[in-house]
Amino acid sequence: MMGLVDRLLARVAHKVTVEAACTNTYYCKDGVKYLRSCCLDQGCQTVRVGTC
């Protein structure tokens, strides 16, 4: 039973570590505000979030 708990904790700890390896940057271009999010395991995504 302890082996199962140890494996579960290892997965959770890894997930938190990977999620923490993200950066978020806001920037404006042509009057539009964007959020660029880059994570080690997922690459980068850019999302329009409003106006500047």
PDB file of N, CA and C in Angstrom:
ATOM      1  N   MET A   1       0.817  -1.195   0.000  1.00  0.00           N
ATOM      2  CA  MET A   1       0.000   0.000   0.000  1.00  0.00           C
ATOM      3  C   MET A   1       0.865   1.265   0.000  1.00  0.00           C
ATOM      4  N   MET A   2       1.947   1.262   0.734  1.00  0.00           N
ATOM      5  CA  MET A   2       2.818   2.434   0.792  1.00  0.00           C
ATOM      6  C   MET A   2       3.420   2.732  -0.575  1.00  0.00           C
ATOM      7  N   GLY A   3       3.708   1.678  -1.352  1.00  0.00           N
ATOM      8  CA  GLY A   3       4.256   1.889  -2.689  1.00  0.00           C
ATOM      9  C   GLY A   3       3.292   2.677  -3.563  1.00  0.00           C
ATOM     10  N   LEU A   4       2.012   2.361  -3.474  1.00  0.00           N
ATOM     11  CA  LEU A   4       0.991   3.070  -4.238  1.00  0.00           C
ATOM     12  C   LEU A   4       0.931   4.536  -3.814  1.00  0.00           C
ATOM     13  N   VAL A   5       0.955   4.791  -2.524  1.00  0.00           N
ATOM     14  CA  VAL A   5       0.921   6.164  -2.013  1.00  0.00           C
ATOM     15  C   VAL A   5       2.161   6.924  -2.468  1.00  0.00           C
ATOM     16  N   ASP A   6       3.317   6.291  -2.408  1.00  0.00           N
ATOM     17  CA  ASP A   6       4.555   6.940  -2.841  1.00  0.00           C
ATOM     18  C   ASP A   6       4.503   7.306  -4.322  1.00  0.00           C
ATOM     19  N   ARG A   7       3.966   6.410  -5.154  1.00  0.00           N
ATOM     20  CA  ARG A   7       3.870   6.696  -6.592  1.00  0.00           C
ATOM     21  C   ARG A   7       2.898   7.848  -6.843  1.00  0.00           C
ATOM     22  N   LEU A   8       1.796   7.868  -6.132  1.00  0.00           N
ATOM     23  CA  LEU A   8       0.820   8.944  -6.287  1.00  0.00           C
ATOM     24  C   LEU A   8       1.420  10.287  -5.884  1.00  0.00           C
ATOM     25  N   LEU A   9       2.112  10.311  -4.774  1.00  0.00           N
ATOM     26  CA  LEU A   9       2.757  11.553  -4.329  1.00  0.00           C
ATOM     27  C   LEU A   9       3.817  12.013  -5.321  1.00  0.00           C
ATOM     28  N   ALA A  10       4.549  11.088  -5.898  1.00  0.00           N
ATOM     29  CA  ALA A  10       5.572  11.443  -6.882  1.00  0.00           C
ATOM     30  C   ALA A  10       4.937  12.078  -8.112  1.00  0.00           C
ATOM     31  N   ARG A  11       3.790  11.548  -8.545  1.00  0.00           N
ATOM     32  CA  ARG A  11       3.095  12.137  -9.697  1.00  0.00           C
ATOM     33  C   ARG A  11       2.586  13.532  -9.390  1.00  0.00           C
ATOM     34  N   VAL A  12       2.005  13.716  -8.227  1.00  0.00           N
ATOM     35  CA  VAL A  12       1.484  15.026  -7.838  1.00  0.00           C
ATOM     36  C   VAL A  12       2.623  16.024  -7.726  1.00  0.00           C
ATOM     37  N   ALA A  13       3.704  15.640  -7.097  1.00  0.00           N
ATOM     38  CA  ALA A  13       4.856  16.534  -6.937  1.00  0.00           C
ATOM     39  C   ALA A  13       5.419  16.911  -8.297  1.00  0.00           C
ATOM     40  N   HIS A  14       5.496  15.969  -9.227  1.00  0.00           N
ATOM     41  CA  HIS A  14       6.012  16.252 -10.565  1.00  0.00           C
ATOM     42  C   HIS A  14       5.082  17.237 -11.283  1.00  0.00           C
ATOM     43  N   LYS A  15       3.779  17.040 -11.168  1.00  0.00           N
ATOM     44  CA  LYS A  15       2.823  17.912 -11.829  1.00  0.00           C
ATOM     45  C   LYS A  15       2.947  19.339 -11.313  1.00  0.00           C
ATOM     46  N   VAL A  16       3.062  19.507 -10.026  1.00  0.00           N
ATOM     47  CA  VAL A  16       3.204  20.843  -9.444  1.00  0.00           C
ATOM     48  C   VAL A  16       4.495  21.487  -9.923  1.00  0.00           C
ATOM     49  N   THR A  17       5.572  20.714  -9.975  1.00  0.00           N
ATOM     50  CA  THR A  17       6.860  21.231 -10.441  1.00  0.00           C
ATOM     51  C   THR A  17       6.767  21.671 -11.892  1.00  0.00           C
ATOM     52  N   VAL A  18       6.140  20.870 -12.735  1.00  0.00           N
ATOM     53  CA  VAL A  18       6.014  21.205 -14.151  1.00  0.00           C
ATOM     54  C   VAL A  18       5.133  22.432 -14.334  1.00  0.00           C
ATOM     55  N   GLU A  19       4.021  22.503 -13.601  1.00  0.00           N
ATOM     56  CA  GLU A  19       3.144  23.658 -13.710  1.00  0.00           C
ATOM     57  C   GLU A  19       3.859  24.929 -13.266  1.00  0.00           C
ATOM     58  N   ALA A  20       4.755  24.808 -12.316  1.00  0.00           N
ATOM     59  CA  ALA A  20       5.481  25.966 -11.812  1.00  0.00           C
ATOM     60  C   ALA A  20       6.518  26.450 -12.825  1.00  0.00           C
ATOM     61  N   ALA A  21       6.821  25.645 -13.824  1.00  0.00           N
ATOM     62  CA  ALA A  21       7.825  25.997 -14.822  1.00  0.00           C
ATOM     63  C   ALA A  21       7.192  26.757 -15.981  1.00  0.00           C
ATOM     64  N   CYS A  22       6.244  27.627 -15.691  1.00  0.00           N
ATOM     65  CA  CYS A  22       5.569  28.443 -16.705  1.00  0.00           C
ATOM     66  C   CYS A  22       5.865  29.920 -16.463  1.00  0.00           C
ATOM     67  N   THR A  23       5.915  30.680 -17.564  1.00  0.00           N
ATOM     68  CA  THR A  23       6.037  32.125 -17.458  1.00  0.00           C
ATOM     69  C   THR A  23       4.871  32.769 -18.187  1.00  0.00           C
ATOM     70  N   ASN A  24       4.364  33.850 -17.647  1.00  0.00           N
ATOM     71  CA  ASN A  24       3.272  34.606 -18.255  1.00  0.00           C
ATOM     72  C   ASN A  24       3.736  36.026 -18.503  1.00  0.00           C
ATOM     73  N   THR A  25       3.539  36.511 -19.728  1.00  0.00           N
ATOM     74  CA  THR A  25       3.955  37.856 -20.101  1.00  0.00           C
ATOM     75  C   THR A  25       2.801  38.554 -20.804  1.00  0.00           C
ATOM     76  N   TYR A  26       2.467  39.750 -20.324  1.00  0.00           N
ATOM     77  CA  TYR A  26       1.465  40.578 -20.988  1.00  0.00           C
ATOM     78  C   TYR A  26       2.188  41.586 -21.863  1.00  0.00           C
ATOM     79  N   TYR A  27       1.640  41.846 -23.059  1.00  0.00           N
ATOM     80  CA  TYR A  27       2.206  42.875 -23.919  1.00  0.00           C
ATOM     81  C   TYR A  27       1.108  43.469 -24.798  1.00  0.00           C
ATOM     82  N   CYS A  28       1.370  44.672 -25.304  1.00  0.00           N
ATOM     83  CA  CYS A  28       0.426  45.360 -26.171  1.00  0.00           C
ATOM     84  C   CYS A  28       1.003  45.472 -27.576  1.00  0.00           C
ATOM     85  N   LYS A  29       0.126  45.296 -28.565  1.00  0.00           N
ATOM     86  CA  LYS A  29       0.525  45.446 -29.960  1.00  0.00           C
ATOM     87  C   LYS A  29      -0.679  45.972 -30.730  1.00  0.00           C
ATOM     88  N   ASP A  30      -0.506  47.112 -31.381  1.00  0.00           N
ATOM     89  CA  ASP A  30      -1.566  47.728 -32.181  1.00  0.00           C
ATOM     90  C   ASP A  30      -2.847  47.948 -31.364  1.00  0.00           C
ATOM     91  N   GLY A  31      -2.705  48.347 -30.097  1.00  0.00           N
ATOM     92  CA  GLY A  31      -3.853  48.638 -29.252  1.00  0.00           C
ATOM     93  C   GLY A  31      -4.539  47.425 -28.654  1.00  0.00           C
ATOM     94  N   VAL A  32      -3.985  46.232 -28.862  1.00  0.00           N
ATOM     95  CA  VAL A  32      -4.563  44.993 -28.331  1.00  0.00           C
ATOM     96  C   VAL A  32      -3.615  44.427 -27.281  1.00  0.00           C
ATOM     97  N   LYS A  33      -4.167  44.023 -26.128  1.00  0.00           N
ATOM     98  CA  LYS A  33      -3.378  43.442 -25.049  1.00  0.00           C
ATOM     99  C   LYS A  33      -3.405  41.919 -25.175  1.00  0.00           C
ATOM    100  N   TYR A  34      -2.234  41.307 -25.097  1.00  0.00           N
ATOM    101  CA  TYR A  34      -2.081  39.865 -25.226  1.00  0.00           C
ATOM    102  C   TYR A  34      -1.423  39.275 -23.982  1.00  0.00           C
ATOM    103  N   LEU A  35      -1.719  38.016 -23.718  1.00  0.00           N
ATOM    104  CA  LEU A  35      -1.042  37.235 -22.690  1.00  0.00           C
ATOM    105  C   LEU A  35      -0.310  36.100 -23.388  1.00  0.00           C
ATOM    106  N   ARG A  36       0.992  36.034 -23.187  1.00  0.00           N
ATOM    107  CA  ARG A  36       1.796  34.945 -23.746  1.00  0.00           C
ATOM    108  C   ARG A  36       2.233  34.067 -22.585  1.00  0.00           C
ATOM    109  N   SER A  37       1.813  32.812 -22.615  1.00  0.00           N
ATOM    110  CA  SER A  37       2.114  31.855 -21.562  1.00  0.00           C
ATOM    111  C   SER A  37       3.001  30.760 -22.140  1.00  0.00           C
ATOM    112  N   CYS A  38       4.158  30.554 -21.533  1.00  0.00           N
ATOM    113  CA  CYS A  38       5.097  29.529 -21.989  1.00  0.00           C
ATOM    114  C   CYS A  38       5.372  28.550 -20.852  1.00  0.00           C
ATOM    115  N   CYS A  39       5.167  27.263 -21.125  1.00  0.00           N
ATOM    116  CA  CYS A  39       5.420  26.204 -20.155  1.00  0.00           C
ATOM    117  C   CYS A  39       6.389  25.202 -20.760  1.00  0.00           C
ATOM    118  N   LEU A  40       7.240  24.654 -19.921  1.00  0.00           N
ATOM    119  CA  LEU A  40       8.241  23.720 -20.408  1.00  0.00           C
ATOM    120  C   LEU A  40       7.639  22.521 -21.118  1.00  0.00           C
ATOM    121  N   ASP A  41       6.524  22.011 -20.609  1.00  0.00           N
ATOM    122  CA  ASP A  41       5.967  20.790 -21.180  1.00  0.00           C
ATOM    123  C   ASP A  41       4.937  21.033 -22.274  1.00  0.00           C
ATOM    124  N   GLN A  42       4.472  22.292 -22.454  1.00  0.00           N
ATOM    125  CA  GLN A  42       3.401  22.565 -23.406  1.00  0.00           C
ATOM    126  C   GLN A  42       3.768  23.575 -24.480  1.00  0.00           C
ATOM    127  N   GLY A  43       4.919  24.187 -24.405  1.00  0.00           N
ATOM    128  CA  GLY A  43       5.273  25.221 -25.357  1.00  0.00           C
ATOM    129  C   GLY A  43       4.612  26.544 -24.978  1.00  0.00           C
ATOM    130  N   CYS A  44       4.409  27.412 -25.993  1.00  0.00           N
ATOM    131  CA  CYS A  44       3.855  28.736 -25.738  1.00  0.00           C
ATOM    132  C   CYS A  44       2.502  28.909 -26.420  1.00  0.00           C
ATOM    133  N   GLN A  45       1.662  29.714 -25.767  1.00  0.00           N
ATOM    134  CA  GLN A  45       0.369  30.079 -26.319  1.00  0.00           C
ATOM    135  C   GLN A  45       0.167  31.568 -26.116  1.00  0.00           C
ATOM    136  N   THR A  46      -0.432  32.227 -27.110  1.00  0.00           N
ATOM    137  CA  THR A  46      -0.746  33.641 -27.000  1.00  0.00           C
ATOM    138  C   THR A  46      -2.247  33.825 -27.095  1.00  0.00           C
ATOM    139  N   VAL A  47      -2.805  34.607 -26.137  1.00  0.00           N
ATOM    140  CA  VAL A  47      -4.242  34.819 -26.055  1.00  0.00           C
ATOM    141  C   VAL A  47      -4.521  36.313 -25.974  1.00  0.00           C
ATOM    142  N   ARG A  48      -5.488  36.779 -26.761  1.00  0.00           N
ATOM    143  CA  ARG A  48      -5.918  38.168 -26.686  1.00  0.00           C
ATOM    144  C   ARG A  48      -6.758  38.347 -25.427  1.00  0.00           C
ATOM    145  N   VAL A  49      -6.427  39.372 -24.613  1.00  0.00           N
ATOM    146  CA  VAL A  49      -7.116  39.565 -23.344  1.00  0.00           C
ATOM    147  C   VAL A  49      -7.833  40.905 -23.217  1.00  0.00           C
ATOM    148  N   GLY A  50      -7.684  41.779 -24.184  1.00  0.00           N
ATOM    149  CA  GLY A  50      -8.372  43.060 -24.099  1.00  0.00           C
ATOM    150  C   GLY A  50      -7.697  44.132 -24.914  1.00  0.00           C
ATOM    151  N   THR A  51      -7.898  45.386 -24.492  1.00  0.00           N
ATOM    152  CA  THR A  51      -7.290  46.513 -25.181  1.00  0.00           C
ATOM    153  C   THR A  51      -6.286  47.179 -24.256  1.00  0.00           C
ATOM    154  N   CYS A  52      -5.377  47.914 -24.877  1.00  0.00           N
ATOM    155  CA  CYS A  52      -4.337  48.607 -24.107  1.00  0.00           C
ATOM    156  C   CYS A  52      -4.793  49.980 -23.695  1.00  0.00           C
TER     157      CYS A  52
END
